[in-house]
Every structure is written in structure tokens, then in C-alpha cells.
Amino acid sequence: EMSNITTAAYVNSIAAMTQLFININPPDSYCDTVSNLVTIPAEKLSR
């Protein structure tokens, strides 16, 4: 819930400054090493 609030605040600030429509989903949670956690966004976006 804390993460939902903080991430939404940043996303909403982007939307407000750009007038872009940005939808976000509730957070998914993981417990792992940091090295494994940071692979998640890269794999989602093929970065």
C-alpha cells in the first residue's frame, strides 16, 4: 500500500506535467536479491 501511494504519486506528476494518459496497476510484490529484482522491469520491457 505504501508503494502504491509513492509510485502513483510520481506517475501522476508525470501525467499532470505532460497531459499524457497513464494507467497503473496495483503493485506486484517480490522477495528476492536486489540483482534478481532489478531484472524484472528489464524483462518486462526488453531493455
All heavy atoms as atom14 arrays in JSON, in Angstrom:
{
  "sequence": "EMSNITTAAYVNSIAAMTQLFININPPDSYCDTVSNLVTIPAEKLSR",
  "atom14_mask": [
    [1, 1, 1, 1, 1, 1, 1, 1, 1, 0, 0, 0, 0, 0],
    [1, 1, 1, 1, 1, 1, 1, 1, 0, 0, 0, 0, 0, 0],
    [1, 1, 1, 1, 1, 1, 0, 0, 0, 0, 0, 0, 0, 0],
    [1, 1, 1, 1, 1, 1, 1, 1, 0, 0, 0, 0, 0, 0],
    [1, 1, 1, 1, 1, 1, 1, 1, 0, 0, 0, 0, 0, 0],
    [1, 1, 1, 1, 1, 1, 1, 0, 0, 0, 0, 0, 0, 0],
    [1, 1, 1, 1, 1, 1, 1, 0, 0, 0, 0, 0, 0, 0],
    [1, 1, 1, 1, 1, 0, 0, 0, 0, 0, 0, 0, 0, 0],
    [1, 1, 1, 1, 1, 0, 0, 0, 0, 0, 0, 0, 0, 0],
    [1, 1, 1, 1, 1, 1, 1, 1, 1, 1, 1, 1, 0, 0],
    [1, 1, 1, 1, 1, 1, 1, 0, 0, 0, 0, 0, 0, 0],
    [1, 1, 1, 1, 1, 1, 1, 1, 0, 0, 0, 0, 0, 0],
    [1, 1, 1, 1, 1, 1, 0, 0, 0, 0, 0, 0, 0, 0],
    [1, 1, 1, 1, 1, 1, 1, 1, 0, 0, 0, 0, 0, 0],
    [1, 1, 1, 1, 1, 0, 0, 0, 0, 0, 0, 0, 0, 0],
    [1, 1, 1, 1, 1, 0, 0, 0, 0, 0, 0, 0, 0, 0],
    [1, 1, 1, 1, 1, 1, 1, 1, 0, 0, 0, 0, 0, 0],
    [1, 1, 1, 1, 1, 1, 1, 0, 0, 0, 0, 0, 0, 0],
    [1, 1, 1, 1, 1, 1, 1, 1, 1, 0, 0, 0, 0, 0],
    [1, 1, 1, 1, 1, 1, 1, 1, 0, 0, 0, 0, 0, 0],
    [1, 1, 1, 1, 1, 1, 1, 1, 1, 1, 1, 0, 0, 0],
    [1, 1, 1, 1, 1, 1, 1, 1, 0, 0, 0, 0, 0, 0],
    [1, 1, 1, 1, 1, 1, 1, 1, 0, 0, 0, 0, 0, 0],
    [1, 1, 1, 1, 1, 1, 1, 1, 0, 0, 0, 0, 0, 0],
    [1, 1, 1, 1, 1, 1, 1, 1, 0, 0, 0, 0, 0, 0],
    [1, 1, 1, 1, 1, 1, 1, 0, 0, 0, 0, 0, 0, 0],
    [1, 1, 1, 1, 1, 1, 1, 0, 0, 0, 0, 0, 0, 0],
    [1, 1, 1, 1, 1, 1, 1, 1, 0, 0, 0, 0, 0, 0],
    [1, 1, 1, 1, 1, 1, 0, 0, 0, 0, 0, 0, 0, 0],
    [1, 1, 1, 1, 1, 1, 1, 1, 1, 1, 1, 1, 0, 0],
    [1, 1, 1, 1, 1, 1, 0, 0, 0, 0, 0, 0, 0, 0],
    [1, 1, 1, 1, 1, 1, 1, 1, 0, 0, 0, 0, 0, 0],
    [1, 1, 1, 1, 1, 1, 1, 0, 0, 0, 0, 0, 0, 0],
    [1, 1, 1, 1, 1, 1, 1, 0, 0, 0, 0, 0, 0, 0],
    [1, 1, 1, 1, 1, 1, 0, 0, 0, 0, 0, 0, 0, 0],
    [1, 1, 1, 1, 1, 1, 1, 1, 0, 0, 0, 0, 0, 0],
    [1, 1, 1, 1, 1, 1, 1, 1, 0, 0, 0, 0, 0, 0],
    [1, 1, 1, 1, 1, 1, 1, 0, 0, 0, 0, 0, 0, 0],
    [1, 1, 1, 1, 1, 1, 1, 0, 0, 0, 0, 0, 0, 0],
    [1, 1, 1, 1, 1, 1, 1, 1, 0, 0, 0, 0, 0, 0],
    [1, 1, 1, 1, 1, 1, 1, 0, 0, 0, 0, 0, 0, 0],
    [1, 1, 1, 1, 1, 0, 0, 0, 0, 0, 0, 0, 0, 0],
    [1, 1, 1, 1, 1, 1, 1, 1, 1, 0, 0, 0, 0, 0],
    [1, 1, 1, 1, 1, 1, 1, 1, 1, 0, 0, 0, 0, 0],
    [1, 1, 1, 1, 1, 1, 1, 1, 0, 0, 0, 0, 0, 0],
    [1, 1, 1, 1, 1, 1, 0, 0, 0, 0, 0, 0, 0, 0],
    [1, 1, 1, 1, 1, 1, 1, 1, 1, 1, 1, 0, 0, 0]
  ],
  "atom14_positions": [
    [[0.83, -1.2, 0.0], [0.0, 0.0, 0.0], [0.87, 1.26, 0.0], [0.58, 2.23, -0.69], [-0.93, 0.01, 1.2], [-1.87, 1.22, 1.26], [-2.78, 1.33, 0.05], [-3.04, 0.3, -0.62], [-3.24, 2.45, -0.25], [0.0, 0.0, 0.0], [0.0, 0.0, 0.0], [0.0, 0.0, 0.0], [0.0, 0.0, 0.0], [0.0, 0.0, 0.0]],
    [[1.95, 1.22, 0.78], [2.88, 2.34, 0.77], [3.46, 2.55, -0.63], [3.52, 3.67, -1.15], [4.02, 2.08, 1.78], [5.08, 3.17, 1.86], [6.38, 3.1, 0.57], [7.01, 1.44, 0.8], [0.0, 0.0, 0.0], [0.0, 0.0, 0.0], [0.0, 0.0, 0.0], [0.0, 0.0, 0.0], [0.0, 0.0, 0.0], [0.0, 0.0, 0.0]],
    [[3.87, 1.44, -1.25], [4.46, 1.53, -2.58], [3.44, 2.0, -3.61], [3.78, 2.77, -4.53], [5.02, 0.16, -2.99], [5.66, 0.23, -4.24], [0.0, 0.0, 0.0], [0.0, 0.0, 0.0], [0.0, 0.0, 0.0], [0.0, 0.0, 0.0], [0.0, 0.0, 0.0], [0.0, 0.0, 0.0], [0.0, 0.0, 0.0], [0.0, 0.0, 0.0]],
    [[2.21, 1.57, -3.46], [1.15, 2.01, -4.37], [1.0, 3.53, -4.32], [0.83, 4.19, -5.35], [-0.17, 1.33, -3.98], [-1.27, 1.58, -4.98], [-1.06, 1.49, -6.19], [-2.45, 1.9, -4.49], [0.0, 0.0, 0.0], [0.0, 0.0, 0.0], [0.0, 0.0, 0.0], [0.0, 0.0, 0.0], [0.0, 0.0, 0.0], [0.0, 0.0, 0.0]],
    [[1.08, 4.1, -3.12], [0.95, 5.54, -2.95], [2.14, 6.28, -3.54], [1.98, 7.26, -4.28], [0.77, 5.88, -1.46], [-0.62, 5.47, -0.98], [0.99, 7.38, -1.21], [-0.82, 5.59, 0.51], [0.0, 0.0, 0.0], [0.0, 0.0, 0.0], [0.0, 0.0, 0.0], [0.0, 0.0, 0.0], [0.0, 0.0, 0.0], [0.0, 0.0, 0.0]],
    [[3.35, 5.84, -3.22], [4.53, 6.56, -3.68], [4.71, 6.47, -5.19], [4.99, 7.48, -5.85], [5.8, 6.06, -2.96], [5.92, 4.64, -3.12], [5.75, 6.39, -1.48], [0.0, 0.0, 0.0], [0.0, 0.0, 0.0], [0.0, 0.0, 0.0], [0.0, 0.0, 0.0], [0.0, 0.0, 0.0], [0.0, 0.0, 0.0], [0.0, 0.0, 0.0]],
    [[4.55, 5.28, -5.75], [4.72, 5.15, -7.2], [3.62, 5.92, -7.94], [3.9, 6.58, -8.95], [4.73, 3.68, -7.64], [3.57, 3.01, -7.14], [5.96, 2.96, -7.13], [0.0, 0.0, 0.0], [0.0, 0.0, 0.0], [0.0, 0.0, 0.0], [0.0, 0.0, 0.0], [0.0, 0.0, 0.0], [0.0, 0.0, 0.0], [0.0, 0.0, 0.0]],
    [[2.39, 5.84, -7.43], [1.29, 6.57, -8.07], [1.55, 8.07, -8.04], [1.22, 8.78, -8.99], [-0.03, 6.25, -7.39], [0.0, 0.0, 0.0], [0.0, 0.0, 0.0], [0.0, 0.0, 0.0], [0.0, 0.0, 0.0], [0.0, 0.0, 0.0], [0.0, 0.0, 0.0], [0.0, 0.0, 0.0], [0.0, 0.0, 0.0], [0.0, 0.0, 0.0]],
    [[2.14, 8.56, -6.97], [2.43, 10.0, -6.86], [3.39, 10.44, -7.96], [3.2, 11.5, -8.58], [3.01, 10.32, -5.49], [0.0, 0.0, 0.0], [0.0, 0.0, 0.0], [0.0, 0.0, 0.0], [0.0, 0.0, 0.0], [0.0, 0.0, 0.0], [0.0, 0.0, 0.0], [0.0, 0.0, 0.0], [0.0, 0.0, 0.0], [0.0, 0.0, 0.0]],
    [[4.41, 9.65, -8.22], [5.36, 10.0, -9.28], [4.72, 9.89, -10.65], [4.91, 10.76, -11.51], [6.6, 9.12, -9.19], [7.5, 9.48, -8.03], [7.63, 8.66, -6.92], [8.22, 10.69, -8.03], [8.44, 9.0, -5.86], [9.03, 11.04, -6.97], [9.13, 10.2, -5.88], [9.92, 10.56, -4.82], [0.0, 0.0, 0.0], [0.0, 0.0, 0.0]],
    [[3.97, 8.84, -10.87], [3.31, 8.66, -12.17], [2.3, 9.79, -12.41], [2.21, 10.34, -13.51], [2.62, 7.29, -12.26], [1.78, 7.18, -13.53], [3.66, 6.18, -12.23], [0.0, 0.0, 0.0], [0.0, 0.0, 0.0], [0.0, 0.0, 0.0], [0.0, 0.0, 0.0], [0.0, 0.0, 0.0], [0.0, 0.0, 0.0], [0.0, 0.0, 0.0]],
    [[1.55, 10.16, -11.38], [0.57, 11.24, -11.52], [1.24, 12.57, -11.8], [0.68, 13.43, -12.52], [-0.29, 11.34, -10.26], [-1.26, 10.18, -10.14], [-1.58, 9.51, -11.12], [-1.74, 9.93, -8.93], [0.0, 0.0, 0.0], [0.0, 0.0, 0.0], [0.0, 0.0, 0.0], [0.0, 0.0, 0.0], [0.0, 0.0, 0.0], [0.0, 0.0, 0.0]],
    [[2.43, 12.78, -11.26], [3.14, 14.03, -11.54], [3.59, 14.08, -13.0], [3.57, 15.14, -13.62], [4.34, 14.2, -10.6], [5.36, 13.26, -10.85], [0.0, 0.0, 0.0], [0.0, 0.0, 0.0], [0.0, 0.0, 0.0], [0.0, 0.0, 0.0], [0.0, 0.0, 0.0], [0.0, 0.0, 0.0], [0.0, 0.0, 0.0], [0.0, 0.0, 0.0]],
    [[3.98, 12.93, -13.55], [4.31, 12.87, -14.98], [3.08, 13.18, -15.81], [3.12, 13.98, -16.76], [4.87, 11.49, -15.35], [6.22, 11.25, -14.65], [5.04, 11.36, -16.86], [6.76, 9.84, -14.82], [0.0, 0.0, 0.0], [0.0, 0.0, 0.0], [0.0, 0.0, 0.0], [0.0, 0.0, 0.0], [0.0, 0.0, 0.0], [0.0, 0.0, 0.0]],
    [[1.96, 12.55, -15.46], [0.72, 12.75, -16.22], [0.27, 14.2, -16.16], [-0.17, 14.78, -17.16], [-0.37, 11.83, -15.68], [0.0, 0.0, 0.0], [0.0, 0.0, 0.0], [0.0, 0.0, 0.0], [0.0, 0.0, 0.0], [0.0, 0.0, 0.0], [0.0, 0.0, 0.0], [0.0, 0.0, 0.0], [0.0, 0.0, 0.0], [0.0, 0.0, 0.0]],
    [[0.39, 14.83, -14.99], [-0.05, 16.21, -14.84], [0.8, 17.18, -15.65], [0.29, 18.14, -16.24], [-0.03, 16.61, -13.36], [0.0, 0.0, 0.0], [0.0, 0.0, 0.0], [0.0, 0.0, 0.0], [0.0, 0.0, 0.0], [0.0, 0.0, 0.0], [0.0, 0.0, 0.0], [0.0, 0.0, 0.0], [0.0, 0.0, 0.0], [0.0, 0.0, 0.0]],
    [[2.11, 16.92, -15.71], [3.0, 17.82, -16.42], [2.96, 17.63, -17.93], [3.33, 18.53, -18.68], [4.44, 17.64, -15.91], [4.67, 18.17, -14.51], [6.42, 18.06, -14.0], [7.17, 19.27, -15.09], [0.0, 0.0, 0.0], [0.0, 0.0, 0.0], [0.0, 0.0, 0.0], [0.0, 0.0, 0.0], [0.0, 0.0, 0.0], [0.0, 0.0, 0.0]],
    [[2.52, 16.46, -18.37], [2.56, 16.15, -19.8], [1.19, 16.05, -20.45], [1.09, 16.03, -21.67], [3.28, 14.81, -20.03], [2.56, 13.76, -19.35], [4.71, 14.87, -19.53], [0.0, 0.0, 0.0], [0.0, 0.0, 0.0], [0.0, 0.0, 0.0], [0.0, 0.0, 0.0], [0.0, 0.0, 0.0], [0.0, 0.0, 0.0], [0.0, 0.0, 0.0]],
    [[0.13, 15.94, -19.61], [-1.22, 15.7, -20.1], [-1.31, 14.35, -20.84], [-2.17, 14.17, -21.71], [-1.69, 16.84, -21.02], [-1.72, 18.19, -20.35], [-2.63, 18.21, -19.11], [-3.81, 17.9, -19.19], [-2.06, 18.57, -17.97], [0.0, 0.0, 0.0], [0.0, 0.0, 0.0], [0.0, 0.0, 0.0], [0.0, 0.0, 0.0], [0.0, 0.0, 0.0]],
    [[-0.44, 13.43, -20.48], [-0.5, 12.08, -21.03], [-1.44, 11.24, -20.19], [-1.56, 11.43, -18.97], [0.88, 11.43, -21.03], [1.92, 12.0, -22.01], [3.3, 11.45, -21.68], [1.54, 11.66, -23.45], [0.0, 0.0, 0.0], [0.0, 0.0, 0.0], [0.0, 0.0, 0.0], [0.0, 0.0, 0.0], [0.0, 0.0, 0.0], [0.0, 0.0, 0.0]],
    [[-2.12, 10.28, -20.84], [-2.92, 9.32, -20.1], [-2.02, 8.16, -19.7], [-1.42, 7.5, -20.56], [-4.08, 8.79, -20.95], [-4.8, 7.62, -20.31], [-5.64, 7.82, -19.23], [-4.6, 6.33, -20.78], [-6.27, 6.75, -18.61], [-5.23, 5.25, -20.17], [-6.08, 5.47, -19.09], [0.0, 0.0, 0.0], [0.0, 0.0, 0.0], [0.0, 0.0, 0.0]],
    [[-1.89, 7.96, -18.4], [-1.06, 6.86, -17.89], [-1.87, 6.07, -16.87], [-2.35, 6.63, -15.88], [0.22, 7.38, -17.22], [0.96, 8.36, -18.13], [1.13, 6.21, -16.85], [2.15, 9.04, -17.47], [0.0, 0.0, 0.0], [0.0, 0.0, 0.0], [0.0, 0.0, 0.0], [0.0, 0.0, 0.0], [0.0, 0.0, 0.0], [0.0, 0.0, 0.0]],
    [[-2.04, 4.8, -17.13], [-2.77, 3.93, -16.21], [-1.75, 3.04, -15.49], [-0.77, 2.6, -16.07], [-3.76, 3.05, -16.99], [-4.62, 2.21, -16.05], [-5.22, 2.73, -15.12], [-4.65, 0.91, -16.28], [0.0, 0.0, 0.0], [0.0, 0.0, 0.0], [0.0, 0.0, 0.0], [0.0, 0.0, 0.0], [0.0, 0.0, 0.0], [0.0, 0.0, 0.0]],
    [[-2.0, 2.83, -14.19], [-1.12, 1.93, -13.44], [-1.97, 0.86, -12.77], [-3.13, 1.08, -12.42], [-0.29, 2.68, -12.38], [-1.19, 3.42, -11.38], [0.67, 3.65, -13.04], [-0.41, 4.04, -10.24], [0.0, 0.0, 0.0], [0.0, 0.0, 0.0], [0.0, 0.0, 0.0], [0.0, 0.0, 0.0], [0.0, 0.0, 0.0], [0.0, 0.0, 0.0]],
    [[-1.36, -0.3, -12.61], [-2.0, -1.41, -11.94], [-1.49, -1.5, -10.5], [-0.43, -0.95, -10.17], [-1.68, -2.73, -12.67], [-2.22, -2.73, -14.08], [-3.36, -2.37, -14.31], [-1.4, -3.13, -15.05], [0.0, 0.0, 0.0], [0.0, 0.0, 0.0], [0.0, 0.0, 0.0], [0.0, 0.0, 0.0], [0.0, 0.0, 0.0], [0.0, 0.0, 0.0]],
    [[-2.23, -2.19, -9.61], [-1.72, -2.38, -8.24], [-0.36, -3.05, -8.27], [-0.05, -3.84, -9.17], [-2.78, -3.28, -7.6], [-4.02, -3.03, -8.39], [-3.57, -2.79, -9.8], [0.0, 0.0, 0.0], [0.0, 0.0, 0.0], [0.0, 0.0, 0.0], [0.0, 0.0, 0.0], [0.0, 0.0, 0.0], [0.0, 0.0, 0.0], [0.0, 0.0, 0.0]],
    [[0.5, -2.75, -7.28], [1.85, -3.3, -7.29], [1.87, -4.82, -7.18], [1.05, -5.43, -6.49], [2.49, -2.67, -6.05], [1.65, -1.5, -5.71], [0.26, -1.86, -6.14], [0.0, 0.0, 0.0], [0.0, 0.0, 0.0], [0.0, 0.0, 0.0], [0.0, 0.0, 0.0], [0.0, 0.0, 0.0], [0.0, 0.0, 0.0], [0.0, 0.0, 0.0]],
    [[2.83, -5.42, -7.87], [3.18, -6.83, -7.65], [4.35, -6.85, -6.69], [5.25, -6.0, -6.76], [3.58, -7.5, -8.96], [2.4, -7.65, -9.92], [1.29, -7.96, -9.44], [2.59, -7.44, -11.13], [0.0, 0.0, 0.0], [0.0, 0.0, 0.0], [0.0, 0.0, 0.0], [0.0, 0.0, 0.0], [0.0, 0.0, 0.0], [0.0, 0.0, 0.0]],
    [[4.37, -7.81, -5.77], [5.42, -7.86, -4.75], [6.3, -9.09, -4.93], [5.84, -10.16, -5.33], [4.81, -7.83, -3.35], [3.92, -8.91, -3.17], [0.0, 0.0, 0.0], [0.0, 0.0, 0.0], [0.0, 0.0, 0.0], [0.0, 0.0, 0.0], [0.0, 0.0, 0.0], [0.0, 0.0, 0.0], [0.0, 0.0, 0.0], [0.0, 0.0, 0.0]],
    [[7.58, -8.9, -4.61], [8.56, -9.97, -4.72], [9.51, -9.88, -3.53], [9.76, -8.79, -3.01], [9.38, -9.85, -6.01], [8.56, -9.74, -7.27], [8.08, -8.49, -7.7], [8.26, -10.85, -8.04], [7.33, -8.37, -8.86], [7.5, -10.74, -9.2], [7.04, -9.5, -9.6], [6.3, -9.39, -10.76], [0.0, 0.0, 0.0], [0.0, 0.0, 0.0]],
    [[10.04, -11.0, -3.12], [11.1, -11.03, -2.12], [12.26, -11.8, -2.73], [12.14, -13.0, -3.01], [10.62, -11.69, -0.82], [11.88, -11.69, 0.5], [0.0, 0.0, 0.0], [0.0, 0.0, 0.0], [0.0, 0.0, 0.0], [0.0, 0.0, 0.0], [0.0, 0.0, 0.0], [0.0, 0.0, 0.0], [0.0, 0.0, 0.0], [0.0, 0.0, 0.0]],
    [[13.38, -11.11, -2.95], [14.49, -11.74, -3.66], [15.73, -10.88, -3.45], [15.68, -9.84, -2.79], [14.15, -11.86, -5.15], [14.83, -13.08, -5.8], [15.95, -13.43, -5.36], [14.24, -13.65, -6.72], [0.0, 0.0, 0.0], [0.0, 0.0, 0.0], [0.0, 0.0, 0.0], [0.0, 0.0, 0.0], [0.0, 0.0, 0.0], [0.0, 0.0, 0.0]],
    [[16.84, -11.29, -4.05], [18.02, -10.45, -4.03], [17.8, -9.25, -4.93], [17.01, -9.3, -5.88], [19.26, -11.23, -4.5], [19.05, -11.65, -5.86], [19.53, -12.42, -3.61], [0.0, 0.0, 0.0], [0.0, 0.0, 0.0], [0.0, 0.0, 0.0], [0.0, 0.0, 0.0], [0.0, 0.0, 0.0], [0.0, 0.0, 0.0], [0.0, 0.0, 0.0]],
    [[18.51, -8.17, -4.64], [18.36, -6.96, -5.44], [18.7, -7.23, -6.9], [18.03, -6.74, -7.81], [19.23, -5.83, -4.87], [19.27, -4.63, -5.81], [18.72, -5.4, -3.5], [0.0, 0.0, 0.0], [0.0, 0.0, 0.0], [0.0, 0.0, 0.0], [0.0, 0.0, 0.0], [0.0, 0.0, 0.0], [0.0, 0.0, 0.0], [0.0, 0.0, 0.0]],
    [[19.72, -8.04, -7.14], [20.12, -8.32, -8.52], [19.0, -8.99, -9.3], [18.8, -8.71, -10.49], [21.38, -9.19, -8.56], [21.16, -10.44, -7.94], [0.0, 0.0, 0.0], [0.0, 0.0, 0.0], [0.0, 0.0, 0.0], [0.0, 0.0, 0.0], [0.0, 0.0, 0.0], [0.0, 0.0, 0.0], [0.0, 0.0, 0.0], [0.0, 0.0, 0.0]],
    [[18.23, -9.86, -8.64], [17.1, -10.5, -9.31], [15.92, -9.55, -9.46], [15.2, -9.58, -10.47], [16.67, -11.76, -8.56], [17.64, -12.9, -8.72], [18.39, -12.96, -9.69], [17.65, -13.82, -7.76], [0.0, 0.0, 0.0], [0.0, 0.0, 0.0], [0.0, 0.0, 0.0], [0.0, 0.0, 0.0], [0.0, 0.0, 0.0], [0.0, 0.0, 0.0]],
    [[15.72, -8.69, -8.47], [14.6, -7.75, -8.53], [14.75, -6.78, -9.7], [13.78, -6.47, -10.38], [14.49, -6.96, -7.22], [14.07, -7.75, -5.97], [14.16, -6.87, -4.73], [12.68, -8.33, -6.12], [0.0, 0.0, 0.0], [0.0, 0.0, 0.0], [0.0, 0.0, 0.0], [0.0, 0.0, 0.0], [0.0, 0.0, 0.0], [0.0, 0.0, 0.0]],
    [[15.97, -6.31, -9.94], [16.15, -5.29, -10.98], [16.03, -5.88, -12.39], [15.91, -5.12, -13.36], [17.49, -4.54, -10.83], [17.56, -3.83, -9.49], [18.68, -5.47, -11.02], [0.0, 0.0, 0.0], [0.0, 0.0, 0.0], [0.0, 0.0, 0.0], [0.0, 0.0, 0.0], [0.0, 0.0, 0.0], [0.0, 0.0, 0.0], [0.0, 0.0, 0.0]],
    [[16.04, -7.2, -12.49], [15.84, -7.79, -13.82], [14.38, -7.74, -14.25], [14.09, -7.85, -15.45], [16.31, -9.26, -13.85], [15.48, -10.06, -12.99], [17.77, -9.39, -13.43], [0.0, 0.0, 0.0], [0.0, 0.0, 0.0], [0.0, 0.0, 0.0], [0.0, 0.0, 0.0], [0.0, 0.0, 0.0], [0.0, 0.0, 0.0], [0.0, 0.0, 0.0]],
    [[13.47, -7.57, -13.3], [12.04, -7.65, -13.61], [11.61, -6.57, -14.61], [11.01, -6.89, -15.65], [11.2, -7.6, -12.32], [11.52, -8.81, -11.43], [9.7, -7.59, -12.65], [10.95, -8.73, -10.04], [0.0, 0.0, 0.0], [0.0, 0.0, 0.0], [0.0, 0.0, 0.0], [0.0, 0.0, 0.0], [0.0, 0.0, 0.0], [0.0, 0.0, 0.0]],
    [[11.89, -5.27, -14.35], [11.49, -4.27, -15.35], [12.18, -4.47, -16.69], [11.57, -4.24, -17.75], [11.92, -2.94, -14.7], [11.98, -3.23, -13.24], [12.47, -4.63, -13.16], [0.0, 0.0, 0.0], [0.0, 0.0, 0.0], [0.0, 0.0, 0.0], [0.0, 0.0, 0.0], [0.0, 0.0, 0.0], [0.0, 0.0, 0.0], [0.0, 0.0, 0.0]],
    [[13.44, -4.87, -16.68], [14.17, -5.08, -17.93], [13.52, -6.16, -18.77], [13.38, -6.03, -19.99], [15.63, -5.44, -17.64], [0.0, 0.0, 0.0], [0.0, 0.0, 0.0], [0.0, 0.0, 0.0], [0.0, 0.0, 0.0], [0.0, 0.0, 0.0], [0.0, 0.0, 0.0], [0.0, 0.0, 0.0], [0.0, 0.0, 0.0], [0.0, 0.0, 0.0]],
    [[13.1, -7.24, -18.12], [12.46, -8.33, -18.85], [11.08, -7.93, -19.34], [10.67, -8.3, -20.44], [12.38, -9.56, -17.95], [13.75, -10.17, -17.66], [13.69, -11.29, -16.64], [12.59, -11.5, -16.05], [14.73, -11.94, -16.4], [0.0, 0.0, 0.0], [0.0, 0.0, 0.0], [0.0, 0.0, 0.0], [0.0, 0.0, 0.0], [0.0, 0.0, 0.0]],
    [[10.36, -7.14, -18.54], [9.02, -6.7, -18.96], [9.1, -5.84, -20.22], [8.21, -5.9, -21.08], [8.37, -5.87, -17.84], [7.85, -6.65, -16.64], [7.33, -5.69, -15.59], [6.76, -6.4, -14.37], [5.42, -6.98, -14.62], [0.0, 0.0, 0.0], [0.0, 0.0, 0.0], [0.0, 0.0, 0.0], [0.0, 0.0, 0.0], [0.0, 0.0, 0.0]],
    [[10.17, -5.03, -20.34], [10.25, -4.04, -21.41], [11.33, -4.36, -22.43], [11.57, -3.56, -23.34], [10.52, -2.66, -20.8], [9.46, -2.16, -19.83], [9.95, -0.93, -19.09], [8.16, -1.84, -20.56], [0.0, 0.0, 0.0], [0.0, 0.0, 0.0], [0.0, 0.0, 0.0], [0.0, 0.0, 0.0], [0.0, 0.0, 0.0], [0.0, 0.0, 0.0]],
    [[11.98, -5.51, -22.27], [13.05, -5.91, -23.18], [14.12, -4.83, -23.28], [14.59, -4.48, -24.36], [12.48, -6.22, -24.58], [11.55, -7.27, -24.51], [0.0, 0.0, 0.0], [0.0, 0.0, 0.0], [0.0, 0.0, 0.0], [0.0, 0.0, 0.0], [0.0, 0.0, 0.0], [0.0, 0.0, 0.0], [0.0, 0.0, 0.0], [0.0, 0.0, 0.0]],
    [[14.51, -4.28, -22.14], [15.52, -3.22, -22.11], [16.91, -3.81, -22.0], [17.15, -4.79, -21.3], [15.27, -2.29, -20.93], [14.1, -1.35, -21.09], [14.32, -0.3, -22.15], [15.47, 0.54, -21.85], [15.41, 1.63, -21.09], [14.27, 2.04, -20.58], [16.5, 2.33, -20.86], [0.0, 0.0, 0.0], [0.0, 0.0, 0.0], [0.0, 0.0, 0.0]]
  ]
}
